[in-house]
Amino acid sequence: MSNPETEEKPKATRRPAAKEDGEPKSEKPVEQASNEIEIWPLRSYQDAGEVKRRGGPSYTVPKRHADALIARGLATGDKPAAKRKD
């Protein structure tokens, strides 16, 4: 009988070396997930020492900070509809 400890195991194959800088990389660029989200103020509040006014312009913040502002009802991640003037 053969002993599993003494049997020859297949040799591991080597992976190809990384591409050199001069060689073209993959054709499609890989999109990285953005950590920043664009938000719009729903109420006036102070953020990072700056007052953000209700109905003011949008700005980008890190996702976790945006989630906290949205949860508190201060901002929204969806662009608000424009107000009608009669």
PDB file of N, CA and C in Angstrom:
ATOM      1  N   MET A   1       0.823  -1.188   0.000  1.00  0.00           N
ATOM      2  CA  MET A   1       0.000   0.000   0.000  1.00  0.00           C
ATOM      3  C   MET A   1       0.865   1.249   0.000  1.00  0.00           C
ATOM      4  N   SER A   2       0.309   2.304  -0.534  1.00  0.00           N
ATOM      5  CA  SER A   2       1.089   3.542  -0.567  1.00  0.00           C
ATOM      6  C   SER A   2       0.789   4.393   0.662  1.00  0.00           C
ATOM      7  N   ASN A   3       1.773   5.039   1.136  1.00  0.00           N
ATOM      8  CA  ASN A   3       1.661   5.889   2.302  1.00  0.00           C
ATOM      9  C   ASN A   3       1.435   7.330   1.814  1.00  0.00           C
ATOM     10  N   PRO A   4       0.360   8.021   2.267  1.00  0.00           N
ATOM     11  CA  PRO A   4       0.100   9.383   1.780  1.00  0.00           C
ATOM     12  C   PRO A   4       1.216  10.359   2.129  1.00  0.00           C
ATOM     13  N   GLU A   5       1.968  10.087   3.166  1.00  0.00           N
ATOM     14  CA  GLU A   5       3.039  11.011   3.545  1.00  0.00           C
ATOM     15  C   GLU A   5       4.227  10.901   2.607  1.00  0.00           C
ATOM     16  N   THR A   6       4.445   9.737   2.008  1.00  0.00           N
ATOM     17  CA  THR A   6       5.607   9.556   1.143  1.00  0.00           C
ATOM     18  C   THR A   6       5.288   9.725  -0.334  1.00  0.00           C
ATOM     19  N   GLU A   7       3.981   9.813  -0.681  1.00  0.00           N
ATOM     20  CA  GLU A   7       3.616   9.994  -2.079  1.00  0.00           C
ATOM     21  C   GLU A   7       4.049  11.371  -2.548  1.00  0.00           C
ATOM     22  N   GLU A   8       4.455  11.439  -3.793  1.00  0.00           N
ATOM     23  CA  GLU A   8       4.839  12.743  -4.349  1.00  0.00           C
ATOM     24  C   GLU A   8       3.590  13.538  -4.674  1.00  0.00           C
ATOM     25  N   LYS A   9       3.608  14.780  -4.272  1.00  0.00           N
ATOM     26  CA  LYS A   9       2.489  15.672  -4.542  1.00  0.00           C
ATOM     27  C   LYS A   9       2.813  16.462  -5.803  1.00  0.00           C
ATOM     28  N   PRO A  10       1.788  16.859  -6.550  1.00  0.00           N
ATOM     29  CA  PRO A  10       2.075  17.668  -7.738  1.00  0.00           C
ATOM     30  C   PRO A  10       2.698  18.991  -7.324  1.00  0.00           C
ATOM     31  N   LYS A  11       3.642  19.458  -8.117  1.00  0.00           N
ATOM     32  CA  LYS A  11       4.319  20.708  -7.812  1.00  0.00           C
ATOM     33  C   LYS A  11       3.378  21.878  -8.097  1.00  0.00           C
ATOM     34  N   ALA A  12       3.497  22.898  -7.295  1.00  0.00           N
ATOM     35  CA  ALA A  12       2.664  24.092  -7.480  1.00  0.00           C
ATOM     36  C   ALA A  12       3.103  24.836  -8.730  1.00  0.00           C
ATOM     37  N   THR A  13       2.136  25.363  -9.443  1.00  0.00           N
ATOM     38  CA  THR A  13       2.474  26.150 -10.635  1.00  0.00           C
ATOM     39  C   THR A  13       2.667  27.594 -10.235  1.00  0.00           C
ATOM     40  N   ARG A  14       3.529  28.266 -10.935  1.00  0.00           N
ATOM     41  CA  ARG A  14       3.808  29.664 -10.635  1.00  0.00           C
ATOM     42  C   ARG A  14       2.820  30.550 -11.373  1.00  0.00           C
ATOM     43  N   ARG A  15       2.417  31.612 -10.707  1.00  0.00           N
ATOM     44  CA  ARG A  15       1.541  32.588 -11.350  1.00  0.00           C
ATOM     45  C   ARG A  15       2.385  33.478 -12.248  1.00  0.00           C
ATOM     46  N   PRO A  16       1.795  33.989 -13.337  1.00  0.00           N
ATOM     47  CA  PRO A  16       2.554  34.887 -14.203  1.00  0.00           C
ATOM     48  C   PRO A  16       2.918  36.173 -13.461  1.00  0.00           C
ATOM     49  N   ALA A  17       4.029  36.741 -13.821  1.00  0.00           N
ATOM     50  CA  ALA A  17       4.490  37.972 -13.175  1.00  0.00           C
ATOM     51  C   ALA A  17       3.550  39.126 -13.522  1.00  0.00           C
ATOM     52  N   ALA A  18       3.530  40.151 -12.674  1.00  0.00           N
ATOM     53  CA  ALA A  18       2.695  41.332 -12.913  1.00  0.00           C
ATOM     54  C   ALA A  18       3.157  42.040 -14.184  1.00  0.00           C
ATOM     55  N   LYS A  19       2.216  42.722 -14.830  1.00  0.00           N
ATOM     56  CA  LYS A  19       2.550  43.443 -16.057  1.00  0.00           C
ATOM     57  C   LYS A  19       3.487  44.603 -15.745  1.00  0.00           C
ATOM     58  N   GLU A  20       4.385  44.850 -16.659  1.00  0.00           N
ATOM     59  CA  GLU A  20       5.310  45.965 -16.492  1.00  0.00           C
ATOM     60  C   GLU A  20       4.566  47.259 -16.778  1.00  0.00           C
ATOM     61  N   ASP A  21       5.140  48.394 -16.357  1.00  0.00           N
ATOM     62  CA  ASP A  21       4.491  49.690 -16.548  1.00  0.00           C
ATOM     63  C   ASP A  21       4.269  50.015 -18.025  1.00  0.00           C
ATOM     64  N   GLY A  22       5.139  49.553 -18.909  1.00  0.00           N
ATOM     65  CA  GLY A  22       5.019  49.855 -20.323  1.00  0.00           C
ATOM     66  C   GLY A  22       3.921  49.068 -21.009  1.00  0.00           C
ATOM     67  N   GLU A  23       3.473  47.977 -20.409  1.00  0.00           N
ATOM     68  CA  GLU A  23       2.444  47.156 -21.027  1.00  0.00           C
ATOM     69  C   GLU A  23       1.065  47.748 -20.776  1.00  0.00           C
ATOM     70  N   PRO A  24       0.161  47.631 -21.756  1.00  0.00           N
ATOM     71  CA  PRO A  24      -1.190  48.172 -21.541  1.00  0.00           C
ATOM     72  C   PRO A  24      -1.925  47.390 -20.470  1.00  0.00           C
ATOM     73  N   LYS A  25      -2.659  48.104 -19.676  1.00  0.00           N
ATOM     74  CA  LYS A  25      -3.449  47.471 -18.630  1.00  0.00           C
ATOM     75  C   LYS A  25      -4.774  47.042 -19.244  1.00  0.00           C
ATOM     76  N   SER A  26      -5.702  46.566 -18.451  1.00  0.00           N
ATOM     77  CA  SER A  26      -6.980  46.105 -18.979  1.00  0.00           C
ATOM     78  C   SER A  26      -7.669  47.228 -19.746  1.00  0.00           C
ATOM     79  N   GLU A  27      -8.477  46.844 -20.712  1.00  0.00           N
ATOM     80  CA  GLU A  27      -9.119  47.825 -21.577  1.00  0.00           C
ATOM     81  C   GLU A  27     -10.171  48.643 -20.852  1.00  0.00           C
ATOM     82  N   LYS A  28     -10.920  48.027 -19.946  1.00  0.00           N
ATOM     83  CA  LYS A  28     -11.958  48.741 -19.222  1.00  0.00           C
ATOM     84  C   LYS A  28     -11.412  49.215 -17.882  1.00  0.00           C
ATOM     85  N   PRO A  29     -11.499  50.521 -17.600  1.00  0.00           N
ATOM     86  CA  PRO A  29     -11.063  50.976 -16.278  1.00  0.00           C
ATOM     87  C   PRO A  29     -12.084  50.532 -15.230  1.00  0.00           C
ATOM     88  N   VAL A  30     -11.593  50.125 -14.097  1.00  0.00           N
ATOM     89  CA  VAL A  30     -12.461  49.675 -13.014  1.00  0.00           C
ATOM     90  C   VAL A  30     -12.930  50.907 -12.248  1.00  0.00           C
ATOM     91  N   GLU A  31     -14.254  51.046 -12.133  1.00  0.00           N
ATOM     92  CA  GLU A  31     -14.798  52.177 -11.395  1.00  0.00           C
ATOM     93  C   GLU A  31     -14.775  51.856  -9.903  1.00  0.00           C
ATOM     94  N   GLN A  32     -14.210  52.764  -9.130  1.00  0.00           N
ATOM     95  CA  GLN A  32     -14.161  52.566  -7.693  1.00  0.00           C
ATOM     96  C   GLN A  32     -15.378  53.221  -7.066  1.00  0.00           C
ATOM     97  N   ALA A  33     -15.873  52.620  -6.029  1.00  0.00           N
ATOM     98  CA  ALA A  33     -17.024  53.176  -5.333  1.00  0.00           C
ATOM     99  C   ALA A  33     -16.613  54.488  -4.685  1.00  0.00           C
ATOM    100  N   SER A  34     -17.398  55.504  -4.939  1.00  0.00           N
ATOM    101  CA  SER A  34     -17.104  56.809  -4.374  1.00  0.00           C
ATOM    102  C   SER A  34     -17.540  56.837  -2.919  1.00  0.00           C
ATOM    103  N   ASN A  35     -16.758  57.446  -2.091  1.00  0.00           N
ATOM    104  CA  ASN A  35     -17.065  57.539  -0.678  1.00  0.00           C
ATOM    105  C   ASN A  35     -17.830  58.827  -0.381  1.00  0.00           C
ATOM    106  N   GLU A  36     -18.055  59.675  -1.384  1.00  0.00           N
ATOM    107  CA  GLU A  36     -18.718  60.950  -1.165  1.00  0.00           C
ATOM    108  C   GLU A  36     -20.086  60.962  -1.828  1.00  0.00           C
ATOM    109  N   ILE A  37     -21.024  61.651  -1.190  1.00  0.00           N
ATOM    110  CA  ILE A  37     -22.392  61.749  -1.683  1.00  0.00           C
ATOM    111  C   ILE A  37     -22.774  63.219  -1.770  1.00  0.00           C
ATOM    112  N   GLU A  38     -23.547  63.554  -2.799  1.00  0.00           N
ATOM    113  CA  GLU A  38     -24.047  64.917  -2.948  1.00  0.00           C
ATOM    114  C   GLU A  38     -25.357  65.026  -2.175  1.00  0.00           C
ATOM    115  N   ILE A  39     -25.451  66.051  -1.318  1.00  0.00           N
ATOM    116  CA  ILE A  39     -26.667  66.256  -0.527  1.00  0.00           C
ATOM    117  C   ILE A  39     -27.163  67.690  -0.685  1.00  0.00           C
ATOM    118  N   TRP A  40     -28.464  67.884  -0.385  1.00  0.00           N
ATOM    119  CA  TRP A  40     -29.098  69.192  -0.442  1.00  0.00           C
ATOM    120  C   TRP A  40     -29.678  69.492   0.932  1.00  0.00           C
ATOM    121  N   PRO A  41     -29.415  70.685   1.496  1.00  0.00           N
ATOM    122  CA  PRO A  41     -29.959  71.046   2.807  1.00  0.00           C
ATOM    123  C   PRO A  41     -31.483  71.215   2.763  1.00  0.00           C
ATOM    124  N   LEU A  42     -32.183  70.597   3.717  1.00  0.00           N
ATOM    125  CA  LEU A  42     -33.628  70.773   3.847  1.00  0.00           C
ATOM    126  C   LEU A  42     -33.965  71.825   4.897  1.00  0.00           C
ATOM    127  N   ARG A  43     -33.051  72.019   5.842  1.00  0.00           N
ATOM    128  CA  ARG A  43     -33.190  73.028   6.888  1.00  0.00           C
ATOM    129  C   ARG A  43     -31.841  73.714   7.021  1.00  0.00           C
ATOM    130  N   SER A  44     -31.810  74.878   7.632  1.00  0.00           N
ATOM    131  CA  SER A  44     -30.542  75.568   7.855  1.00  0.00           C
ATOM    132  C   SER A  44     -29.833  74.925   9.043  1.00  0.00           C
ATOM    133  N   TYR A  45     -28.537  74.682   8.888  1.00  0.00           N
ATOM    134  CA  TYR A  45     -27.739  74.083   9.957  1.00  0.00           C
ATOM    135  C   TYR A  45     -26.275  74.432   9.720  1.00  0.00           C
ATOM    136  N   GLN A  46     -25.475  74.236  10.763  1.00  0.00           N
ATOM    137  CA  GLN A  46     -24.045  74.505  10.663  1.00  0.00           C
ATOM    138  C   GLN A  46     -23.315  73.180  10.467  1.00  0.00           C
ATOM    139  N   ASP A  47     -22.489  73.129   9.434  1.00  0.00           N
ATOM    140  CA  ASP A  47     -21.741  71.919   9.120  1.00  0.00           C
ATOM    141  C   ASP A  47     -20.292  72.308   8.866  1.00  0.00           C
ATOM    142  N   ALA A  48     -19.397  71.777   9.649  1.00  0.00           N
ATOM    143  CA  ALA A  48     -17.955  72.048   9.529  1.00  0.00           C
ATOM    144  C   ALA A  48     -17.668  73.546   9.595  1.00  0.00           C
ATOM    145  N   GLY A  49     -18.346  74.236  10.517  1.00  0.00           N
ATOM    146  CA  GLY A  49     -18.098  75.653  10.718  1.00  0.00           C
ATOM    147  C   GLY A  49     -18.721  76.551   9.662  1.00  0.00           C
ATOM    148  N   GLU A  50     -19.539  76.002   8.790  1.00  0.00           N
ATOM    149  CA  GLU A  50     -20.163  76.778   7.717  1.00  0.00           C
ATOM    150  C   GLU A  50     -21.675  76.575   7.788  1.00  0.00           C
ATOM    151  N   VAL A  51     -22.430  77.653   7.651  1.00  0.00           N
ATOM    152  CA  VAL A  51     -23.882  77.553   7.699  1.00  0.00           C
ATOM    153  C   VAL A  51     -24.393  77.080   6.341  1.00  0.00           C
ATOM    154  N   LYS A  52     -25.159  76.014   6.361  1.00  0.00           N
ATOM    155  CA  LYS A  52     -25.801  75.492   5.156  1.00  0.00           C
ATOM    156  C   LYS A  52     -27.259  75.922   5.223  1.00  0.00           C
ATOM    157  N   ARG A  53     -27.686  76.680   4.236  1.00  0.00           N
ATOM    158  CA  ARG A  53     -29.030  77.247   4.232  1.00  0.00           C
ATOM    159  C   ARG A  53     -30.042  76.341   3.554  1.00  0.00           C
ATOM    160  N   ARG A  54     -31.269  76.349   4.093  1.00  0.00           N
ATOM    161  CA  ARG A  54     -32.360  75.588   3.500  1.00  0.00           C
ATOM    162  C   ARG A  54     -32.562  76.036   2.054  1.00  0.00           C
ATOM    163  N   GLY A  55     -32.664  75.087   1.160  1.00  0.00           N
ATOM    164  CA  GLY A  55     -32.853  75.418  -0.248  1.00  0.00           C
ATOM    165  C   GLY A  55     -31.581  75.891  -0.929  1.00  0.00           C
ATOM    166  N   GLY A  56     -30.458  75.817  -0.229  1.00  0.00           N
ATOM    167  CA  GLY A  56     -29.188  76.268  -0.783  1.00  0.00           C
ATOM    168  C   GLY A  56     -28.604  75.262  -1.760  1.00  0.00           C
ATOM    169  N   PRO A  57     -27.417  75.565  -2.263  1.00  0.00           N
ATOM    170  CA  PRO A  57     -26.789  74.672  -3.241  1.00  0.00           C
ATOM    171  C   PRO A  57     -26.378  73.337  -2.609  1.00  0.00           C
ATOM    172  N   SER A  58     -26.250  72.330  -3.444  1.00  0.00           N
ATOM    173  CA  SER A  58     -25.818  71.019  -2.956  1.00  0.00           C
ATOM    174  C   SER A  58     -24.321  71.051  -2.683  1.00  0.00           C
ATOM    175  N   TYR A  59     -23.880  70.085  -1.907  1.00  0.00           N
ATOM    176  CA  TYR A  59     -22.453  69.923  -1.644  1.00  0.00           C
ATOM    177  C   TYR A  59     -22.181  68.461  -1.352  1.00  0.00           C
ATOM    178  N   THR A  60     -20.920  68.053  -1.442  1.00  0.00           N
ATOM    179  CA  THR A  60     -20.568  66.655  -1.229  1.00  0.00           C
ATOM    180  C   THR A  60     -19.917  66.467   0.132  1.00  0.00           C
ATOM    181  N   VAL A  61     -20.272  65.351   0.750  1.00  0.00           N
ATOM    182  CA  VAL A  61     -19.717  64.980   2.051  1.00  0.00           C
ATOM    183  C   VAL A  61     -19.478  63.478   2.048  1.00  0.00           C
ATOM    184  N   PRO A  62     -18.646  62.974   2.970  1.00  0.00           N
ATOM    185  CA  PRO A  62     -18.453  61.527   3.072  1.00  0.00           C
ATOM    186  C   PRO A  62     -19.785  60.823   3.360  1.00  0.00           C
ATOM    187  N   LYS A  63     -19.915  59.594   2.892  1.00  0.00           N
ATOM    188  CA  LYS A  63     -21.168  58.843   2.985  1.00  0.00           C
ATOM    189  C   LYS A  63     -21.684  58.736   4.409  1.00  0.00           C
ATOM    190  N   ARG A  64     -20.837  58.454   5.361  1.00  0.00           N
ATOM    191  CA  ARG A  64     -21.289  58.315   6.759  1.00  0.00           C
ATOM    192  C   ARG A  64     -21.853  59.620   7.296  1.00  0.00           C
ATOM    193  N   HIS A  65     -21.205  60.739   6.956  1.00  0.00           N
ATOM    194  CA  HIS A  65     -21.683  62.046   7.413  1.00  0.00           C
ATOM    195  C   HIS A  65     -23.019  62.365   6.751  1.00  0.00           C
ATOM    196  N   ALA A  66     -23.139  62.048   5.461  1.00  0.00           N
ATOM    197  CA  ALA A  66     -24.393  62.284   4.737  1.00  0.00           C
ATOM    198  C   ALA A  66     -25.516  61.456   5.358  1.00  0.00           C
ATOM    199  N   ASP A  67     -25.234  60.200   5.681  1.00  0.00           N
ATOM    200  CA  ASP A  67     -26.253  59.341   6.295  1.00  0.00           C
ATOM    201  C   ASP A  67     -26.744  59.929   7.626  1.00  0.00           C
ATOM    202  N   ALA A  68     -25.834  60.495   8.404  1.00  0.00           N
ATOM    203  CA  ALA A  68     -26.207  61.087   9.688  1.00  0.00           C
ATOM    204  C   ALA A  68     -27.080  62.328   9.486  1.00  0.00           C
ATOM    205  N   LEU A  69     -26.726  63.178   8.515  1.00  0.00           N
ATOM    206  CA  LEU A  69     -27.521  64.380   8.249  1.00  0.00           C
ATOM    207  C   LEU A  69     -28.911  64.020   7.723  1.00  0.00           C
ATOM    208  N   ILE A  70     -28.980  63.011   6.862  1.00  0.00           N
ATOM    209  CA  ILE A  70     -30.261  62.577   6.302  1.00  0.00           C
ATOM    210  C   ILE A  70     -31.130  61.962   7.398  1.00  0.00           C
ATOM    211  N   ALA A  71     -30.537  61.177   8.291  1.00  0.00           N
ATOM    212  CA  ALA A  71     -31.282  60.549   9.383  1.00  0.00           C
ATOM    213  C   ALA A  71     -31.859  61.598  10.335  1.00  0.00           C
ATOM    214  N   ARG A  72     -31.160  62.707  10.516  1.00  0.00           N
ATOM    215  CA  ARG A  72     -31.640  63.771  11.403  1.00  0.00           C
ATOM    216  C   ARG A  72     -32.634  64.701  10.707  1.00  0.00           C
ATOM    217  N   GLY A  73     -32.872  64.477   9.411  1.00  0.00           N
ATOM    218  CA  GLY A  73     -33.842  65.284   8.672  1.00  0.00           C
ATOM    219  C   GLY A  73     -33.317  66.644   8.253  1.00  0.00           C
ATOM    220  N   LEU A  74     -32.003  66.814   8.267  1.00  0.00           N
ATOM    221  CA  LEU A  74     -31.424  68.106   7.894  1.00  0.00           C
ATOM    222  C   LEU A  74     -31.139  68.216   6.404  1.00  0.00           C
ATOM    223  N   ALA A  75     -30.916  67.091   5.753  1.00  0.00           N
ATOM    224  CA  ALA A  75     -30.545  67.100   4.339  1.00  0.00           C
ATOM    225  C   ALA A  75     -31.193  65.920   3.631  1.00  0.00           C
ATOM    226  N   THR A  76     -31.106  65.942   2.307  1.00  0.00           N
ATOM    227  CA  THR A  76     -31.625  64.846   1.508  1.00  0.00           C
ATOM    228  C   THR A  76     -30.614  64.475   0.430  1.00  0.00           C
ATOM    229  N   GLY A  77     -30.645  63.222   0.014  1.00  0.00           N
ATOM    230  CA  GLY A  77     -29.761  62.770  -1.048  1.00  0.00           C
ATOM    231  C   GLY A  77     -30.406  62.921  -2.413  1.00  0.00           C
ATOM    232  N   ASP A  78     -31.712  63.237  -2.441  1.00  0.00           N
ATOM    233  CA  ASP A  78     -32.437  63.442  -3.693  1.00  0.00           C
ATOM    234  C   ASP A  78     -32.601  64.928  -3.944  1.00  0.00           C
ATOM    235  N   LYS A  79     -32.411  65.332  -5.189  1.00  0.00           N
ATOM    236  CA  LYS A  79     -32.548  66.748  -5.525  1.00  0.00           C
ATOM    237  C   LYS A  79     -34.001  67.167  -5.326  1.00  0.00           C
ATOM    238  N   PRO A  80     -34.247  68.194  -4.491  1.00  0.00           N
ATOM    239  CA  PRO A  80     -35.617  68.632  -4.261  1.00  0.00           C
ATOM    240  C   PRO A  80     -36.193  69.304  -5.507  1.00  0.00           C
ATOM    241  N   ALA A  81     -37.494  69.210  -5.656  1.00  0.00           N
ATOM    242  CA  ALA A  81     -38.168  69.850  -6.795  1.00  0.00           C
ATOM    243  C   ALA A  81     -38.095  71.370  -6.637  1.00  0.00           C
ATOM    244  N   ALA A  82     -38.004  72.046  -7.762  1.00  0.00           N
ATOM    245  CA  ALA A  82     -37.946  73.512  -7.749  1.00  0.00           C
ATOM    246  C   ALA A  82     -39.299  74.063  -7.303  1.00  0.00           C
ATOM    247  N   LYS A  83     -39.274  75.147  -6.543  1.00  0.00           N
ATOM    248  CA  LYS A  83     -40.505  75.769  -6.058  1.00  0.00           C
ATOM    249  C   LYS A  83     -41.179  76.519  -7.204  1.00  0.00           C
ATOM    250  N   ARG A  84     -42.495  76.455  -7.208  1.00  0.00           N
ATOM    251  CA  ARG A  84     -43.279  77.190  -8.205  1.00  0.00           C
ATOM    252  C   ARG A  84     -43.491  78.613  -7.738  1.00  0.00           C
ATOM    253  N   LYS A  85     -43.326  79.565  -8.641  1.00  0.00           N
ATOM    254  CA  LYS A  85     -43.599  80.964  -8.314  1.00  0.00           C
ATOM    255  C   LYS A  85     -44.851  81.382  -9.070  1.00  0.00           C
ATOM    256  N   ASP A  86     -45.873  81.805  -8.315  1.00  0.00           N
ATOM    257  CA  ASP A  86     -47.133  82.239  -8.944  1.00  0.00           C
ATOM    258  C   ASP A  86     -47.242  83.733  -8.970  1.00  0.00           C
TER     259      ASP A  86
END
